[in-house]
């Protein structure tokens, strides 16, 4: 279970590490850059994330399938208010 007291970026990092066993992973909170935009909140954190990820689970599957794996791993975060998720496959 991921501790809700951790910043969302760290929670996402933990989740993706557990589920996708990445060889490279960066999670960047870009929420402050979206202040005033749809989906942003007053705190400026936790609504807009960028994930840069490489995983052996991505070998032999399409780009769409890779993105689906990431979205599936993070669906509960999306359901709880993560507004935007940019995925960079590396």
C-alpha atoms as a PDB file:
ATOM      1  CA  UNK A   1       0.000   0.000   0.000  1.00  0.00           C
ATOM      2  CA  UNK A   2       1.346   3.414  -0.969  1.00  0.00           C
ATOM      3  CA  UNK A   3       1.301   5.998   1.802  1.00  0.00           C
ATOM      4  CA  UNK A   4      -0.990   8.886   0.945  1.00  0.00           C
ATOM      5  CA  UNK A   5       1.274  11.224   2.946  1.00  0.00           C
ATOM      6  CA  UNK A   6       3.926  10.986   0.219  1.00  0.00           C
ATOM      7  CA  UNK A   7       3.827  13.512  -2.640  1.00  0.00           C
ATOM      8  CA  UNK A   8       1.822  12.204  -5.584  1.00  0.00           C
ATOM      9  CA  UNK A   9       4.934  12.074  -7.768  1.00  0.00           C
ATOM     10  CA  UNK A  10       6.564   9.686  -5.274  1.00  0.00           C
ATOM     11  CA  UNK A  11       3.416   7.574  -5.031  1.00  0.00           C
ATOM     12  CA  UNK A  12       3.365   7.267  -8.828  1.00  0.00           C
ATOM     13  CA  UNK A  13       7.070   6.384  -8.861  1.00  0.00           C
ATOM     14  CA  UNK A  14       6.497   3.607  -6.339  1.00  0.00           C
ATOM     15  CA  UNK A  15       3.474   2.241  -8.222  1.00  0.00           C
ATOM     16  CA  UNK A  16       5.230   2.156 -11.599  1.00  0.00           C
ATOM     17  CA  UNK A  17       8.343   0.620 -10.035  1.00  0.00           C
ATOM     18  CA  UNK A  18       6.250  -2.163  -8.512  1.00  0.00           C
ATOM     19  CA  UNK A  19       4.074  -2.858 -11.541  1.00  0.00           C
ATOM     20  CA  UNK A  20       6.338  -2.250 -14.550  1.00  0.00           C
ATOM     21  CA  UNK A  21       9.831  -2.966 -13.153  1.00  0.00           C
ATOM     22  CA  UNK A  22      11.366  -0.074 -15.131  1.00  0.00           C
ATOM     23  CA  UNK A  23      15.028   0.136 -16.021  1.00  0.00           C
ATOM     24  CA  UNK A  24      14.667   3.907 -16.093  1.00  0.00           C
ATOM     25  CA  UNK A  25      11.960   6.043 -14.501  1.00  0.00           C
ATOM     26  CA  UNK A  26      11.441   9.726 -13.826  1.00  0.00           C
ATOM     27  CA  UNK A  27       8.205  11.222 -12.524  1.00  0.00           C
ATOM     28  CA  UNK A  28       7.968  15.002 -12.782  1.00  0.00           C
ATOM     29  CA  UNK A  29       5.185  17.081 -11.249  1.00  0.00           C
ATOM     30  CA  UNK A  30       4.443  19.786 -13.818  1.00  0.00           C
ATOM     31  CA  UNK A  31       1.326  21.049 -12.047  1.00  0.00           C
ATOM     32  CA  UNK A  32       2.757  24.489 -11.235  1.00  0.00           C
ATOM     33  CA  UNK A  33       3.256  25.113 -14.963  1.00  0.00           C
ATOM     34  CA  UNK A  34      -0.487  24.645 -15.476  1.00  0.00           C
ATOM     35  CA  UNK A  35      -1.757  27.087 -12.845  1.00  0.00           C
ATOM     36  CA  UNK A  36      -5.058  28.537 -13.984  1.00  0.00           C
ATOM     37  CA  UNK A  37      -5.637  25.798 -16.536  1.00  0.00           C
ATOM     38  CA  UNK A  38      -8.437  23.278 -16.422  1.00  0.00           C
ATOM     39  CA  UNK A  39      -7.766  20.560 -13.883  1.00  0.00           C
ATOM     40  CA  UNK A  40      -5.235  22.587 -11.888  1.00  0.00           C
ATOM     41  CA  UNK A  41      -5.763  23.114  -8.189  1.00  0.00           C
ATOM     42  CA  UNK A  42      -4.821  25.952  -5.821  1.00  0.00           C
ATOM     43  CA  UNK A  43      -1.836  24.069  -4.372  1.00  0.00           C
ATOM     44  CA  UNK A  44      -0.018  23.812  -7.691  1.00  0.00           C
ATOM     45  CA  UNK A  45       0.853  20.138  -7.162  1.00  0.00           C
ATOM     46  CA  UNK A  46      -0.567  16.738  -7.995  1.00  0.00           C
ATOM     47  CA  UNK A  47      -2.657  17.397 -11.083  1.00  0.00           C
ATOM     48  CA  UNK A  48      -0.266  17.307 -14.064  1.00  0.00           C
ATOM     49  CA  UNK A  49       2.471  14.662 -14.201  1.00  0.00           C
ATOM     50  CA  UNK A  50       5.100  13.651 -16.735  1.00  0.00           C
ATOM     51  CA  UNK A  51       6.397  10.062 -16.663  1.00  0.00           C
ATOM     52  CA  UNK A  52       9.588   9.124 -18.513  1.00  0.00           C
ATOM     53  CA  UNK A  53       9.886   5.347 -18.482  1.00  0.00           C
ATOM     54  CA  UNK A  54      11.678   2.364 -19.990  1.00  0.00           C
ATOM     55  CA  UNK A  55      10.674  -1.171 -19.044  1.00  0.00           C
ATOM     56  CA  UNK A  56      11.470  -4.679 -20.219  1.00  0.00           C
ATOM     57  CA  UNK A  57       7.698  -5.226 -20.255  1.00  0.00           C
ATOM     58  CA  UNK A  58       7.546  -2.885 -23.261  1.00  0.00           C
ATOM     59  CA  UNK A  59       9.619  -5.159 -25.493  1.00  0.00           C
ATOM     60  CA  UNK A  60       7.650  -6.491 -28.442  1.00  0.00           C
ATOM     61  CA  UNK A  61       4.479  -4.466 -27.874  1.00  0.00           C
ATOM     62  CA  UNK A  62       3.166  -1.374 -29.629  1.00  0.00           C
ATOM     63  CA  UNK A  63       3.426   2.188 -28.374  1.00  0.00           C
ATOM     64  CA  UNK A  64      -0.316   2.178 -27.640  1.00  0.00           C
ATOM     65  CA  UNK A  65       0.039  -1.020 -25.597  1.00  0.00           C
ATOM     66  CA  UNK A  66       2.936   0.511 -23.644  1.00  0.00           C
ATOM     67  CA  UNK A  67       0.875   3.588 -22.847  1.00  0.00           C
ATOM     68  CA  UNK A  68      -2.024   1.358 -21.809  1.00  0.00           C
ATOM     69  CA  UNK A  69       0.220  -0.463 -19.304  1.00  0.00           C
ATOM     70  CA  UNK A  70       1.151   2.864 -17.722  1.00  0.00           C
ATOM     71  CA  UNK A  71      -2.450   4.126 -17.658  1.00  0.00           C
ATOM     72  CA  UNK A  72      -3.690   0.830 -16.209  1.00  0.00           C
ATOM     73  CA  UNK A  73      -1.077   0.976 -13.438  1.00  0.00           C
ATOM     74  CA  UNK A  74      -2.131   4.522 -12.550  1.00  0.00           C
ATOM     75  CA  UNK A  75      -5.908   4.345 -13.063  1.00  0.00           C
ATOM     76  CA  UNK A  76      -6.776   4.830  -9.404  1.00  0.00           C
ATOM     77  CA  UNK A  77      -4.683   8.026  -9.322  1.00  0.00           C
ATOM     78  CA  UNK A  78      -6.586   9.278 -12.369  1.00  0.00           C
ATOM     79  CA  UNK A  79      -9.870   8.392 -10.675  1.00  0.00           C
ATOM     80  CA  UNK A  80      -8.764  10.423  -7.628  1.00  0.00           C
ATOM     81  CA  UNK A  81      -7.965  13.622  -9.526  1.00  0.00           C
ATOM     82  CA  UNK A  82      -4.791  13.262 -11.581  1.00  0.00           C
ATOM     83  CA  UNK A  83      -5.892  15.462 -14.462  1.00  0.00           C
ATOM     84  CA  UNK A  84      -3.075  15.102 -17.013  1.00  0.00           C
ATOM     85  CA  UNK A  85      -0.470  12.440 -17.588  1.00  0.00           C
ATOM     86  CA  UNK A  86       2.239  12.871 -20.206  1.00  0.00           C
ATOM     87  CA  UNK A  87       4.080   9.644 -20.999  1.00  0.00           C
ATOM     88  CA  UNK A  88       7.520   9.596 -22.593  1.00  0.00           C
ATOM     89  CA  UNK A  89       8.735   6.148 -23.567  1.00  0.00           C
ATOM     90  CA  UNK A  90      12.532   6.013 -23.354  1.00  0.00           C
END
